[in-house]
């Protein structure tokens, strides 16, 4: 265990929460695609975080938990809202209007690579080792293999959109390291999630009013509203409660491994809910991702060493 209670080797509950988080964020790509048919990108992002903020504040009020009032905590909320919501959400949603979702998923899966480097430079208890780097690289290779070479077909065509998705992944990396401070400040995960999306709503509002002029837009239909509500309450409000819970115990690098799991859950959801076919390339990619996560966790290697030693 590292400084501040960070466990570099995650327990069963941490892995379970990471899988649930990947399901919630994997569904966000579908919700975004549905909502983008009726709403411009910045308006969609604002609705996502504003509705999530409303839901989280209601959740806290019903549970009898208030929000912290210190100036330093709210400055941190605004920093987190900028790094973890306003910047990456806007970049990814705009990028999805220019490039295929498969390529966007691959570019988003670079987040653990960036996080490992940022955490190594900025923390004492998430230092980069050869094994951890190898695990991240193997997992990333699994994402590429699972989505198939056709997902890379447009690589280099819409360069600005691809740079936007990479910049979003880098922003997530900085956010993961920055967000570790809330556990030290004694702020609960639900409070942190509420503070973050409240701050990002306030940051995004002037941009939306200036660029999208939402009062001029046509009213979205029921399908688009359903996608927005699901995006806000499931893929944002609930997801960020889990996000900050995992971050407080397992650190930024382990948390951002969720981006390797998101393509897996997206494909499995397609198989079990939409009746899509599970191909051999999907199984190969999943096996590589599982190997990468095992190398990162380090437990199989320790078991093997113990068996050899005995």
Foldseek 3Di string as FASTA:
>chain_A
DFPLQADLQDDPVLVVLLLLLLLLQLCLVVLLVQLVVAAPQLVLLLLQLVLLLVVLCVVCVVVVHDADDDPVVLVLLLVLLVLQRQQLSSLLSVLVVPAPVLLLLLLLLCLLVLLLVVCCVPHDGSNDDPLLNQLSVLLSVLSDLQSDPVSCVCPPVPPVSSVSSNVSSNSLSVSQQSLLVCVVVVHAQSSSLSSNSVSNSVVSVVVCCVPVVVVPGDDDDPSSVVSSNSSRHRNRNVSSNSLSVSCSNHGRSVSSLSSSCNVVSSVVCCCPPVVDDDDPSNVSSVVSNVVSVCSSSVVVVVVVVVVVVD
